[in-house]
């Protein structure tokens, strides 16, 4: 097992990539602290990991709240005495909150909320985790960026800049935490079959479904949505010693979207 006994926090662990990553961490022998704002989802993920023979506990935390983040880290220190891996996965998109998501119509408070969770939350979790990682000898921080932070997409005026910020924050923290032995990397997934993406097609009428699917995978060289488990494979790689010579990097996992300027018609 690649992460035997490693104490690992996964934020946004209640569904999607966070859930898949939490399960993979446990399968690799990690002690998983599954964190989420949705208590029902988070508790269910932790319980299912334990039922499968893994080690997991749920801690509710809003990553945009300094008090919640401090309490999360303090609890890990009290219960486990160390932290080896932080996976900053929690994130939202403006379309989670409104259909009026174009840059010139988005409400100020929604822009603030998205940036507060996606970017500030990643920074705060990393900030308060850093001393625990140092005490454990270094460890790894793995941040969730997005190809939305690398190229432009409509209705992403908060999400895109927040994820671009995660890429740059990863680089800055990689420099600053290198002396304590902590590696900081991120990954940038494309359209993945998670609840965040499923909402775009789950309720579409049959006559619109093909068009929606084309919008989601039409730029993919591999003509399908990625699976959360495939992204979790990258997370595990970045958290483990297999990536021991990497820090400050951003791995793109997008089915080939950013490799070309095209649209598959078939």
Foldseek 3Di string as FASTA:
>chain_A
DQQAAAEEEQEPCLWFLNVLLQLVCQVVRYQYEYEYQPVVSSQVSQVVSVVVVGHYDYDYAQLLDLVRLLVVLVVCCVPPVAHAEYELDDADALVVPDPQQFPVRDDPVSLVVRLSRLAVSLVSNCVNRLVRCLVVQAFEYEYEAACLCVDPDGSGPRNNVSSVNVLVVQLVVCVVSVVSRHAGEYEHEAAAPIPNLCVQQVPDDPVCNVVSLQVRQFLAPQRDHHYSNVVSVVVSCRRGCVCVVDHSYYHYHYNCNVVDPGTHPD
